[in-house]
Amino acid sequence: MKGRKKQKQPAYSFDSYEFKAYHWCINNGIYISPFCKENFMSWYVDIQINGKVNRSPKCYDSRELWEVIFNYYKYYYEKYANKIHTR
């Protein structure tokens, strides 16, 4: 479309602990992803565990989205890492 500016997502640099939490969650069936509410300006966070998807009640803007997602990864990693045997 002419005249329409493309909006880029802000870059998020995760640290090694966040990457470890992300990797553990993916390997154990916990998937966390953004879900667009409107025009790529507002986002929900979808969390899928054992095939069941839950959506965050709050919307986030693109500036805070990835920090929130990685905070969820850390939360689930810290909650379940000692209870679930890794595959």
Protein backbone atom coordinates (compact mmCIF):
# COMPACT_ATOMS: atom_id res chain seq x y z
CA MET A 1 0.00 0.00 0.00
CA LYS A 2 1.32 3.40 -0.91
CA GLY A 3 1.76 5.98 1.77
CA ARG A 4 1.59 3.52 4.60
CA LYS A 5 4.60 3.28 6.88
CA LYS A 6 5.80 -0.13 7.90
CA GLN A 7 6.25 -0.46 11.62
CA LYS A 8 9.11 -2.55 12.90
CA GLN A 9 9.00 -4.42 16.14
CA PRO A 10 11.54 -3.07 18.62
CA ALA A 11 14.52 -5.35 19.06
CA TYR A 12 14.69 -7.31 22.29
CA SER A 13 17.97 -8.74 23.49
CA PHE A 14 17.45 -11.69 25.77
CA ASP A 15 20.14 -12.85 28.17
CA SER A 16 21.48 -16.38 28.58
CA TYR A 17 19.08 -17.22 31.43
CA GLU A 18 16.08 -16.10 29.38
CA PHE A 19 17.30 -18.19 26.46
CA LYS A 20 17.70 -21.21 28.75
CA ALA A 21 14.11 -20.72 30.01
CA TYR A 22 12.82 -20.31 26.45
CA HIS A 23 14.65 -23.44 25.25
CA TRP A 24 13.43 -25.50 28.22
CA CYS A 25 9.82 -24.41 27.71
CA ILE A 26 9.83 -25.22 23.99
CA ASN A 27 11.34 -28.65 24.68
CA ASN A 28 8.66 -29.33 27.28
CA GLY A 29 5.59 -28.28 25.29
CA ILE A 30 5.13 -24.74 26.61
CA TYR A 31 4.73 -22.26 23.77
CA ILE A 32 4.32 -18.53 24.28
CA SER A 33 3.57 -16.23 21.37
CA PRO A 34 2.14 -12.81 20.51
CA PHE A 35 -1.40 -12.51 19.14
CA CYS A 36 -2.30 -9.29 17.36
CA LYS A 37 -5.36 -7.45 18.61
CA GLU A 38 -5.46 -4.62 16.09
CA ASN A 39 -3.26 -3.08 13.42
CA PHE A 40 -0.04 -4.43 14.94
CA MET A 41 -0.33 -1.88 17.73
CA SER A 42 -1.88 -3.94 20.53
CA TRP A 43 -0.93 -7.49 21.37
CA TYR A 44 -2.15 -10.28 23.60
CA VAL A 45 0.14 -13.06 24.77
CA ASP A 46 -0.99 -16.62 24.03
CA ILE A 47 0.34 -19.40 26.25
CA GLN A 48 -0.10 -22.98 25.08
CA ILE A 49 0.51 -25.83 27.50
CA ASN A 50 -0.42 -29.41 26.58
CA GLY A 51 -2.48 -28.17 23.64
CA LYS A 52 -4.59 -25.78 25.72
CA VAL A 53 -4.24 -22.10 24.80
CA ASN A 54 -4.76 -19.30 27.30
CA ARG A 55 -4.69 -15.64 26.31
CA SER A 56 -3.48 -12.86 28.57
CA PRO A 57 -6.27 -10.60 29.83
CA LYS A 58 -4.11 -7.53 29.24
CA CYS A 59 -2.96 -6.10 25.90
CA TYR A 60 0.61 -4.94 25.44
CA ASP A 61 2.16 -2.50 23.03
CA SER A 62 5.06 -3.49 20.82
CA ARG A 63 7.61 -1.81 23.12
CA GLU A 64 6.88 -4.12 26.03
CA LEU A 65 5.67 -7.27 24.25
CA TRP A 66 8.88 -9.32 24.05
CA GLU A 67 9.92 -8.51 27.60
CA VAL A 68 6.53 -9.80 28.79
CA ILE A 69 6.87 -12.95 26.67
CA PHE A 70 10.30 -13.76 28.08
CA ASN A 71 9.06 -13.05 31.61
CA TYR A 72 6.40 -15.71 31.02
CA TYR A 73 9.07 -18.14 29.78
CA LYS A 74 11.08 -17.51 32.94
CA TYR A 75 7.98 -17.93 35.10
CA TYR A 76 7.09 -21.34 33.64
CA TYR A 77 10.71 -22.47 33.65
CA GLU A 78 11.08 -21.62 37.34
CA LYS A 79 7.69 -23.13 38.19
CA TYR A 80 8.08 -26.46 36.37
CA ALA A 81 11.76 -27.15 35.65
CA ASN A 82 12.27 -29.20 38.82
CA LYS A 83 8.91 -30.97 38.52
CA ILE A 84 9.05 -32.13 34.89
CA HIS A 85 11.75 -34.42 33.63
CA THR A 86 13.28 -33.06 30.46
CA ARG A 87 12.91 -35.16 27.37
